Amino acid sequence: MSDTNYDSAGIKSSVLNFVIDSSFGDKEKIDETTFLFREGYFDSMGFVSLIAFLEEKFSIQTADTDLVEENFETVNAITDFVQKKLTIKSN
Protein backbone atom coordinates (compact mmCIF):
# COMPACT_ATOMS: atom_id res chain seq x y z
CA MET A 1 0.00 0.00 0.00
CA SER A 2 1.41 3.37 -0.95
CA ASP A 3 1.22 6.73 0.74
CA THR A 4 0.67 9.62 -1.62
CA ASN A 5 2.18 12.67 0.06
CA TYR A 6 5.85 12.49 0.97
CA ASP A 7 8.36 15.17 1.71
CA SER A 8 12.09 14.57 1.73
CA ALA A 9 12.17 13.77 5.45
CA GLY A 10 9.31 11.28 5.13
CA ILE A 11 10.94 9.51 2.21
CA LYS A 12 14.29 9.39 3.97
CA SER A 13 12.74 8.03 7.17
CA SER A 14 10.86 5.28 5.31
CA VAL A 15 13.93 4.30 3.30
CA LEU A 16 16.24 4.32 6.33
CA ASN A 17 13.83 2.16 8.35
CA PHE A 18 13.58 -0.33 5.49
CA VAL A 19 17.35 -0.44 5.07
CA ILE A 20 17.95 -0.98 8.78
CA ASP A 21 15.30 -3.70 8.98
CA SER A 22 16.58 -5.49 5.85
CA SER A 23 20.35 -5.17 6.02
CA PHE A 24 23.24 -7.34 7.10
CA GLY A 25 25.84 -6.31 9.64
CA ASP A 26 25.85 -3.77 12.44
CA LYS A 27 22.59 -1.92 11.93
CA GLU A 28 23.53 0.76 14.45
CA LYS A 29 26.25 2.02 12.10
CA ILE A 30 23.82 2.70 9.27
CA ASP A 31 22.86 6.30 8.58
CA GLU A 32 21.86 8.28 5.50
CA THR A 33 25.45 8.48 4.22
CA THR A 34 26.44 4.82 4.66
CA PHE A 35 27.48 3.12 1.40
CA LEU A 36 25.01 0.24 1.53
CA PHE A 37 26.58 -2.11 -1.02
CA ARG A 38 30.24 -1.12 -0.75
CA GLU A 39 30.14 -1.58 3.04
CA GLY A 40 28.31 -4.92 2.77
CA TYR A 41 24.93 -4.03 4.25
CA PHE A 42 23.05 -5.08 1.11
CA ASP A 43 23.71 -7.72 -1.54
CA SER A 44 21.94 -8.40 -4.84
CA MET A 45 18.91 -9.94 -3.12
CA GLY A 46 18.73 -6.94 -0.82
CA PHE A 47 18.78 -4.73 -3.89
CA VAL A 48 15.83 -6.60 -5.42
CA SER A 49 13.92 -6.23 -2.13
CA LEU A 50 14.77 -2.53 -2.00
CA ILE A 51 13.43 -1.94 -5.53
CA ALA A 52 10.22 -3.82 -4.71
CA PHE A 53 9.81 -1.78 -1.51
CA LEU A 54 10.33 1.53 -3.30
CA GLU A 55 7.92 0.67 -6.09
CA GLU A 56 5.20 -0.44 -3.68
CA LYS A 57 5.67 2.19 -0.98
CA PHE A 58 5.94 5.19 -3.28
CA SER A 59 3.97 3.88 -6.30
CA ILE A 60 6.87 4.49 -8.66
CA GLN A 61 8.26 2.44 -11.53
CA THR A 62 11.95 1.69 -11.82
CA ALA A 63 13.32 1.42 -15.36
CA ASP A 64 16.43 -0.52 -16.32
CA THR A 65 18.15 2.82 -16.98
CA ASP A 66 17.55 3.77 -13.31
CA LEU A 67 19.57 0.83 -12.04
CA VAL A 68 22.88 2.63 -11.59
CA GLU A 69 24.96 2.75 -8.44
CA GLU A 70 24.56 6.50 -8.00
CA ASN A 71 20.80 6.11 -7.43
CA PHE A 72 21.11 3.50 -4.68
CA GLU A 73 24.49 3.79 -2.96
CA THR A 74 23.22 5.59 0.18
CA VAL A 75 19.90 6.43 1.83
CA ASN A 76 20.42 10.03 0.68
CA ALA A 77 20.87 8.87 -2.92
CA ILE A 78 17.78 6.66 -2.71
CA THR A 79 15.77 9.57 -1.28
CA ASP A 80 16.87 11.80 -4.17
CA PHE A 81 15.97 9.06 -6.66
CA VAL A 82 12.48 8.62 -5.18
CA GLN A 83 11.91 12.39 -5.14
CA LYS A 84 12.86 12.62 -8.83
CA LYS A 85 10.52 9.75 -9.70
CA LEU A 86 7.65 11.32 -7.76
CA THR A 87 8.24 14.67 -9.45
CA ILE A 88 8.19 13.06 -12.89
CA LYS A 89 5.07 11.10 -11.95
CA SER A 90 3.20 14.22 -10.80
CA ASN A 91 3.96 16.18 -14.00
Foldseek 3Di string as FASTA:
>chain_A
DEDADDDLVRQLVVLLVLLLVQFDDDSVPADQPAFCVVVRRDDPVNVVVSQVCLCVHHVFDDDPVNPDSQCPRGSNSVSVVSVVRSVVVVD
